[in-house]
Amino acid sequence: MNTITPKEKEVLGLLAQGLSSKEIAGRLAISFHTVESHRKNLRIKFDAKNSSELVMKAGLPMLNIPEFRDL
């Protein structure tokens, strides 16, 4: 498993819920550019070409999102 930071995990969880970078930035009170940086780092860590592939490769259950917990 790839090691991700707590903030990357938060970003990934919100991304999996369909939020945009702008929405994630507002929700986490961080800049849009910081969100984009986290997304880029996550794509590198999971060798993903896009956000959909990133969420798939990361595996939803590890994100502990209530809507996806039982998948």
C-alpha atoms as a PDB file:
ATOM      1  CA  MET A   1       0.000   0.000   0.000  1.00  0.00           C
ATOM      2  CA  ASN A   2       1.168   3.507  -0.779  1.00  0.00           C
ATOM      3  CA  THR A   3       1.797   5.753   2.203  1.00  0.00           C
ATOM      4  CA  ILE A   4      -0.321   8.879   2.024  1.00  0.00           C
ATOM      5  CA  THR A   5      -0.492  11.819   4.381  1.00  0.00           C
ATOM      6  CA  PRO A   6      -3.593  12.552   6.454  1.00  0.00           C
ATOM      7  CA  LYS A   7      -4.350  15.604   4.277  1.00  0.00           C
ATOM      8  CA  GLU A   8      -3.955  13.554   1.087  1.00  0.00           C
ATOM      9  CA  LYS A   9      -6.409  11.046   2.544  1.00  0.00           C
ATOM     10  CA  GLU A  10      -8.903  13.844   3.202  1.00  0.00           C
ATOM     11  CA  VAL A  11      -8.497  15.168  -0.342  1.00  0.00           C
ATOM     12  CA  LEU A  12      -8.873  11.675  -1.783  1.00  0.00           C
ATOM     13  CA  GLY A  13     -12.013  11.034   0.238  1.00  0.00           C
ATOM     14  CA  LEU A  14     -13.637  14.249  -0.941  1.00  0.00           C
ATOM     15  CA  LEU A  15     -12.511  13.552  -4.495  1.00  0.00           C
ATOM     16  CA  ALA A  16     -14.157  10.129  -4.275  1.00  0.00           C
ATOM     17  CA  GLN A  17     -17.375  11.881  -3.243  1.00  0.00           C
ATOM     18  CA  GLY A  18     -17.253  13.896  -6.472  1.00  0.00           C
ATOM     19  CA  LEU A  19     -16.086  17.266  -5.152  1.00  0.00           C
ATOM     20  CA  SER A  20     -14.051  19.554  -7.399  1.00  0.00           C
ATOM     21  CA  SER A  21     -10.683  20.982  -6.373  1.00  0.00           C
ATOM     22  CA  LYS A  22     -12.359  24.314  -5.658  1.00  0.00           C
ATOM     23  CA  GLU A  23     -14.970  22.647  -3.439  1.00  0.00           C
ATOM     24  CA  ILE A  24     -12.315  20.587  -1.643  1.00  0.00           C
ATOM     25  CA  ALA A  25     -10.264  23.731  -1.017  1.00  0.00           C
ATOM     26  CA  GLY A  26     -13.261  25.446   0.538  1.00  0.00           C
ATOM     27  CA  ARG A  27     -14.201  22.425   2.650  1.00  0.00           C
ATOM     28  CA  LEU A  28     -10.655  21.955   3.995  1.00  0.00           C
ATOM     29  CA  ALA A  29      -9.818  25.676   4.216  1.00  0.00           C
ATOM     30  CA  ILE A  30      -6.735  25.294   2.020  1.00  0.00           C
ATOM     31  CA  SER A  31      -5.867  26.899  -1.303  1.00  0.00           C
ATOM     32  CA  PHE A  32      -6.951  25.552  -4.674  1.00  0.00           C
ATOM     33  CA  HIS A  33      -3.266  25.169  -5.589  1.00  0.00           C
ATOM     34  CA  THR A  34      -2.612  23.087  -2.467  1.00  0.00           C
ATOM     35  CA  VAL A  35      -5.462  20.757  -3.432  1.00  0.00           C
ATOM     36  CA  GLU A  36      -4.037  20.454  -6.936  1.00  0.00           C
ATOM     37  CA  SER A  37      -0.632  19.650  -5.444  1.00  0.00           C
ATOM     38  CA  HIS A  38      -2.137  16.906  -3.260  1.00  0.00           C
ATOM     39  CA  ARG A  39      -3.983  15.487  -6.266  1.00  0.00           C
ATOM     40  CA  LYS A  40      -0.792  15.452  -8.324  1.00  0.00           C
ATOM     41  CA  ASN A  41       1.144  13.733  -5.526  1.00  0.00           C
ATOM     42  CA  LEU A  42      -1.617  11.146  -5.142  1.00  0.00           C
ATOM     43  CA  ARG A  43      -1.659  10.417  -8.883  1.00  0.00           C
ATOM     44  CA  ILE A  44       2.100   9.873  -8.755  1.00  0.00           C
ATOM     45  CA  LYS A  45       1.914   7.638  -5.671  1.00  0.00           C
ATOM     46  CA  PHE A  46      -0.819   5.480  -7.205  1.00  0.00           C
ATOM     47  CA  ASP A  47       0.501   5.690 -10.786  1.00  0.00           C
ATOM     48  CA  ALA A  48      -2.870   6.998 -11.942  1.00  0.00           C
ATOM     49  CA  LYS A  49      -3.482   8.964 -15.127  1.00  0.00           C
ATOM     50  CA  ASN A  50      -6.594  10.766 -13.861  1.00  0.00           C
ATOM     51  CA  SER A  51      -8.832  11.190 -10.824  1.00  0.00           C
ATOM     52  CA  SER A  52     -11.122   8.296 -11.702  1.00  0.00           C
ATOM     53  CA  GLU A  53      -8.207   5.911 -11.949  1.00  0.00           C
ATOM     54  CA  LEU A  54      -6.768   7.345  -8.735  1.00  0.00           C
ATOM     55  CA  VAL A  55      -9.956   6.651  -6.764  1.00  0.00           C
ATOM     56  CA  MET A  56     -10.188   3.158  -8.250  1.00  0.00           C
ATOM     57  CA  LYS A  57      -6.558   2.299  -7.482  1.00  0.00           C
ATOM     58  CA  ALA A  58      -6.695   3.795  -3.995  1.00  0.00           C
ATOM     59  CA  GLY A  59      -9.622   1.569  -3.081  1.00  0.00           C
ATOM     60  CA  LEU A  60     -12.716   3.145  -1.568  1.00  0.00           C
ATOM     61  CA  PRO A  61     -12.915   1.051   1.647  1.00  0.00           C
ATOM     62  CA  MET A  62      -9.529   2.331   2.840  1.00  0.00           C
ATOM     63  CA  LEU A  63     -10.914   5.862   2.738  1.00  0.00           C
ATOM     64  CA  ASN A  64     -13.497   5.070   5.442  1.00  0.00           C
ATOM     65  CA  ILE A  65     -16.277   6.940   3.639  1.00  0.00           C
ATOM     66  CA  PRO A  66     -19.623   5.871   5.154  1.00  0.00           C
ATOM     67  CA  GLU A  67     -21.313   5.582   1.746  1.00  0.00           C
ATOM     68  CA  PHE A  68     -18.625   3.159   0.525  1.00  0.00           C
ATOM     69  CA  ARG A  69     -17.638   1.375   3.746  1.00  0.00           C
ATOM     70  CA  ASP A  70     -19.402  -1.898   2.877  1.00  0.00           C
ATOM     71  CA  LEU A  71     -18.203  -2.245  -0.720  1.00  0.00           C
END
